[in-house]
C-alpha cells in the first residue's frame, strides 16, 4: 500500500493483527487457518455492513454544539463562519 494513501484509510485489519489476538488468547497460530480468517472477514463484514449509519451517527454527535445550542452567526462563539467554542 502506498504510504501517501494511508491518511485516507479509516480501518484495516491485517492477518498479523488477527494472529496477535490469537496469541493474547493463547491460541496457537497454526489454528488460525485460512478458513478461520475467512470467518473473521465474514463476521466483520456483517458487523460493519451498517457503516454508513455508524459514520452518520458519529458525525452528527461531533457536529452538535457542546452547549446544546443551535449554531448561528449571532452566537458569541461564532467567528469567521464557524464555532470557536473550545472542545
N, C-alpha and C. Protein backbone atom coordinates (compact mmCIF):
# COMPACT_ATOMS: atom_id res chain seq x y z
N UNK A 1 0.84 -1.17 0.00
CA UNK A 1 0.00 0.00 0.00
C UNK A 1 0.89 1.24 0.00
N UNK A 2 0.49 2.24 -0.73
CA UNK A 2 1.27 3.47 -0.80
C UNK A 2 1.11 4.27 0.48
N UNK A 3 2.22 4.75 1.01
CA UNK A 3 2.18 5.49 2.26
C UNK A 3 1.36 6.77 2.16
N UNK A 4 1.37 7.43 1.00
CA UNK A 4 0.62 8.68 0.89
C UNK A 4 -0.89 8.46 0.91
N UNK A 5 -1.36 7.25 0.74
CA UNK A 5 -2.79 6.96 0.83
C UNK A 5 -3.22 6.56 2.23
N UNK A 6 -2.28 6.31 3.13
CA UNK A 6 -2.62 5.83 4.46
C UNK A 6 -3.50 6.81 5.23
N UNK A 7 -3.33 8.11 5.03
CA UNK A 7 -4.14 9.07 5.76
C UNK A 7 -5.61 9.01 5.34
N UNK A 8 -5.89 8.44 4.18
CA UNK A 8 -7.25 8.34 3.69
C UNK A 8 -7.95 7.06 4.13
N UNK A 9 -7.24 6.15 4.75
CA UNK A 9 -7.81 4.87 5.16
C UNK A 9 -8.30 4.96 6.59
N UNK A 10 -9.52 4.55 6.83
CA UNK A 10 -10.13 4.62 8.15
C UNK A 10 -9.91 3.34 8.94
N UNK A 11 -10.02 2.18 8.30
CA UNK A 11 -9.93 0.93 9.04
C UNK A 11 -9.33 -0.16 8.18
N UNK A 12 -8.33 -0.85 8.73
CA UNK A 12 -7.75 -2.02 8.09
C UNK A 12 -7.45 -3.02 9.20
N UNK A 13 -7.76 -4.26 8.95
CA UNK A 13 -7.40 -5.34 9.87
C UNK A 13 -6.51 -6.30 9.11
N UNK A 14 -5.31 -6.51 9.62
CA UNK A 14 -4.37 -7.38 8.93
C UNK A 14 -4.36 -8.77 9.56
N UNK A 15 -3.82 -9.71 8.81
CA UNK A 15 -3.67 -11.07 9.32
C UNK A 15 -2.79 -11.03 10.58
N UNK A 16 -1.77 -10.19 10.58
CA UNK A 16 -0.91 -10.06 11.75
C UNK A 16 -1.67 -9.64 12.99
N UNK A 17 -2.64 -8.75 12.83
CA UNK A 17 -3.45 -8.31 13.97
C UNK A 17 -4.35 -9.43 14.47
N UNK A 18 -4.87 -10.23 13.54
CA UNK A 18 -5.67 -11.39 13.94
C UNK A 18 -4.79 -12.39 14.70
N UNK A 19 -3.58 -12.61 14.21
CA UNK A 19 -2.66 -13.53 14.89
C UNK A 19 -2.27 -12.99 16.27
N UNK A 20 -2.14 -11.69 16.40
CA UNK A 20 -1.84 -11.09 17.71
C UNK A 20 -2.97 -11.36 18.69
N UNK A 21 -4.20 -11.29 18.21
CA UNK A 21 -5.35 -11.61 19.06
C UNK A 21 -5.30 -13.07 19.49
N UNK A 22 -4.94 -13.94 18.55
CA UNK A 22 -4.82 -15.37 18.88
C UNK A 22 -3.77 -15.57 19.96
N UNK A 23 -2.63 -14.89 19.84
CA UNK A 23 -1.58 -15.01 20.86
C UNK A 23 -2.08 -14.53 22.22
N UNK A 24 -2.82 -13.43 22.25
CA UNK A 24 -3.38 -12.94 23.51
C UNK A 24 -4.29 -13.97 24.14
N UNK A 25 -5.02 -14.70 23.31
CA UNK A 25 -5.93 -15.74 23.80
C UNK A 25 -5.23 -17.07 24.02
N UNK A 26 -3.90 -17.08 23.81
CA UNK A 26 -3.09 -18.30 23.94
C UNK A 26 -3.55 -19.40 22.99
N UNK A 27 -3.96 -18.99 21.80
CA UNK A 27 -4.36 -19.92 20.74
C UNK A 27 -3.17 -20.04 19.80
N UNK A 28 -2.71 -21.25 19.52
CA UNK A 28 -1.57 -21.42 18.61
C UNK A 28 -1.89 -20.85 17.23
N UNK A 29 -0.88 -20.22 16.63
CA UNK A 29 -1.07 -19.61 15.31
C UNK A 29 -1.50 -20.63 14.26
N UNK A 30 -1.10 -21.87 14.43
CA UNK A 30 -1.47 -22.91 13.45
C UNK A 30 -2.98 -23.10 13.39
N UNK A 31 -3.68 -22.75 14.46
CA UNK A 31 -5.13 -22.92 14.49
C UNK A 31 -5.84 -21.79 13.75
N UNK A 32 -5.11 -20.72 13.44
CA UNK A 32 -5.69 -19.61 12.69
C UNK A 32 -5.49 -19.91 11.21
N UNK A 33 -6.37 -20.75 10.71
CA UNK A 33 -6.29 -21.23 9.33
C UNK A 33 -6.90 -20.21 8.37
N UNK A 34 -6.76 -20.49 7.08
CA UNK A 34 -7.41 -19.64 6.08
C UNK A 34 -8.92 -19.62 6.29
N UNK A 35 -9.46 -20.77 6.69
CA UNK A 35 -10.90 -20.85 6.96
C UNK A 35 -11.27 -19.94 8.13
N UNK A 36 -10.46 -19.96 9.18
CA UNK A 36 -10.72 -19.09 10.33
C UNK A 36 -10.64 -17.62 9.93
N UNK A 37 -9.66 -17.28 9.09
CA UNK A 37 -9.54 -15.90 8.62
C UNK A 37 -10.75 -15.49 7.79
N UNK A 38 -11.27 -16.40 6.98
CA UNK A 38 -12.48 -16.11 6.20
C UNK A 38 -13.67 -15.87 7.12
N UNK A 39 -13.76 -16.67 8.19
CA UNK A 39 -14.85 -16.48 9.16
C UNK A 39 -14.73 -15.11 9.83
N UNK A 40 -13.51 -14.71 10.17
CA UNK A 40 -13.28 -13.39 10.76
C UNK A 40 -13.73 -12.31 9.77
N UNK A 41 -13.31 -12.46 8.51
CA UNK A 41 -13.67 -11.48 7.48
C UNK A 41 -15.19 -11.40 7.31
N UNK A 42 -15.86 -12.56 7.26
CA UNK A 42 -17.32 -12.57 7.10
C UNK A 42 -18.01 -11.89 8.28
N UNK A 43 -17.55 -12.19 9.48
CA UNK A 43 -18.16 -11.61 10.69
C UNK A 43 -17.98 -10.08 10.69
N UNK A 44 -16.78 -9.62 10.36
CA UNK A 44 -16.53 -8.18 10.32
C UNK A 44 -17.36 -7.52 9.24
N UNK A 45 -17.47 -8.15 8.08
CA UNK A 45 -18.31 -7.60 7.01
C UNK A 45 -19.76 -7.47 7.44
N UNK A 46 -20.26 -8.47 8.17
CA UNK A 46 -21.65 -8.40 8.65
C UNK A 46 -21.81 -7.27 9.66
N UNK A 47 -20.87 -7.18 10.60
CA UNK A 47 -20.96 -6.16 11.64
C UNK A 47 -20.79 -4.76 11.08
N UNK A 48 -19.86 -4.60 10.13
CA UNK A 48 -19.61 -3.29 9.56
C UNK A 48 -20.48 -3.00 8.35
N UNK A 49 -21.40 -3.88 8.06
CA UNK A 49 -22.30 -3.66 6.94
C UNK A 49 -23.14 -2.41 7.11
N UNK A 50 -23.30 -1.97 8.35
CA UNK A 50 -24.08 -0.76 8.60
C UNK A 50 -23.18 0.44 8.84
N UNK A 51 -21.98 0.43 8.27
CA UNK A 51 -21.04 1.52 8.50
C UNK A 51 -21.58 2.89 8.12
N UNK A 52 -22.42 3.03 7.08
CA UNK A 52 -22.91 4.39 6.79
C UNK A 52 -23.70 4.98 7.97
N UNK A 53 -24.50 4.14 8.63
CA UNK A 53 -25.26 4.63 9.78
C UNK A 53 -24.33 4.99 10.93
N UNK A 54 -23.29 4.19 11.14
CA UNK A 54 -22.32 4.46 12.20
C UNK A 54 -21.62 5.79 11.94
N UNK A 55 -21.19 6.00 10.71
CA UNK A 55 -20.50 7.25 10.35
C UNK A 55 -21.42 8.44 10.55
N UNK A 56 -22.66 8.34 10.09
CA UNK A 56 -23.60 9.45 10.23
C UNK A 56 -23.89 9.75 11.70
N UNK A 57 -24.01 8.70 12.51
CA UNK A 57 -24.26 8.89 13.94
C UNK A 57 -23.10 9.64 14.61
N UNK A 58 -21.88 9.22 14.33
CA UNK A 58 -20.71 9.87 14.92
C UNK A 58 -20.60 11.31 14.44
N UNK A 59 -20.76 11.54 13.15
CA UNK A 59 -20.64 12.90 12.62
C UNK A 59 -21.72 13.82 13.18
N UNK A 60 -22.91 13.28 13.38
CA UNK A 60 -23.97 14.08 13.99
C UNK A 60 -23.61 14.45 15.42
N UNK A 61 -23.06 13.49 16.17
CA UNK A 61 -22.68 13.75 17.56
C UNK A 61 -21.60 14.81 17.65
N UNK A 62 -20.57 14.70 16.83
CA UNK A 62 -19.45 15.65 16.94
C UNK A 62 -19.79 17.02 16.38
N UNK A 63 -20.82 17.10 15.55
CA UNK A 63 -21.18 18.40 14.99
C UNK A 63 -22.16 19.16 15.86
N UNK A 64 -22.68 18.51 16.90
CA UNK A 64 -23.62 19.20 17.78
C UNK A 64 -22.89 20.16 18.70
N UNK A 65 -23.54 21.23 19.00
CA UNK A 65 -22.97 22.26 19.87
C UNK A 65 -22.77 21.68 21.27
N UNK A 66 -21.58 21.86 21.86
CA UNK A 66 -21.34 21.35 23.21
C UNK A 66 -22.19 22.05 24.26
N UNK A 67 -22.74 23.21 23.90
CA UNK A 67 -23.63 23.93 24.81
C UNK A 67 -25.09 23.61 24.53
N UNK A 68 -25.31 22.67 23.59
CA UNK A 68 -26.64 22.26 23.15
C UNK A 68 -27.44 23.43 22.58
N UNK A 69 -26.73 24.32 21.88
CA UNK A 69 -27.37 25.45 21.23
C UNK A 69 -27.40 25.20 19.73
N UNK A 70 -28.20 25.96 19.03
CA UNK A 70 -28.19 25.92 17.58
C UNK A 70 -27.19 26.96 17.11
N UNK A 71 -26.22 26.51 16.32
CA UNK A 71 -25.19 27.44 15.85
C UNK A 71 -25.80 28.44 14.87
N UNK A 72 -25.48 29.69 15.08
CA UNK A 72 -25.94 30.74 14.19
C UNK A 72 -24.98 31.91 14.29
N UNK A 73 -24.91 32.75 13.27
CA UNK A 73 -23.93 33.83 13.23
C UNK A 73 -23.96 34.79 14.41
N UNK A 74 -25.08 34.94 15.10
CA UNK A 74 -25.11 35.88 16.22
C UNK A 74 -24.66 35.25 17.54
N UNK A 75 -24.33 33.96 17.54
CA UNK A 75 -23.83 33.29 18.74
C UNK A 75 -22.47 33.90 19.11
N UNK A 76 -22.23 34.08 20.41
CA UNK A 76 -20.97 34.70 20.84
C UNK A 76 -19.76 33.82 20.53
N UNK A 77 -19.99 32.52 20.28
CA UNK A 77 -18.88 31.62 19.95
C UNK A 77 -18.67 31.48 18.45
N UNK A 78 -19.45 32.19 17.64
CA UNK A 78 -19.38 32.09 16.18
C UNK A 78 -18.45 33.17 15.64
N UNK A 79 -17.34 32.75 15.06
CA UNK A 79 -16.38 33.69 14.50
C UNK A 79 -15.93 33.18 13.13
N UNK A 80 -15.87 34.07 12.17
CA UNK A 80 -15.37 33.75 10.84
C UNK A 80 -16.03 32.51 10.23
N UNK A 81 -17.33 32.40 10.39
CA UNK A 81 -18.09 31.34 9.76
C UNK A 81 -18.05 29.99 10.44
N UNK A 82 -17.55 29.94 11.68
CA UNK A 82 -17.52 28.64 12.38
C UNK A 82 -17.58 28.84 13.89
N UNK A 83 -17.92 27.79 14.59
CA UNK A 83 -17.97 27.81 16.05
C UNK A 83 -16.54 27.68 16.58
N UNK A 84 -16.18 28.56 17.50
CA UNK A 84 -14.83 28.50 18.07
C UNK A 84 -14.85 28.05 19.53
N UNK A 85 -15.98 27.51 20.00
CA UNK A 85 -16.06 27.04 21.38
C UNK A 85 -15.01 25.96 21.61
N UNK A 86 -14.18 26.10 22.64
CA UNK A 86 -13.13 25.09 22.88
C UNK A 86 -13.74 23.76 23.27
N UNK A 87 -13.40 22.73 22.53
CA UNK A 87 -13.97 21.40 22.78
C UNK A 87 -12.97 20.52 23.46
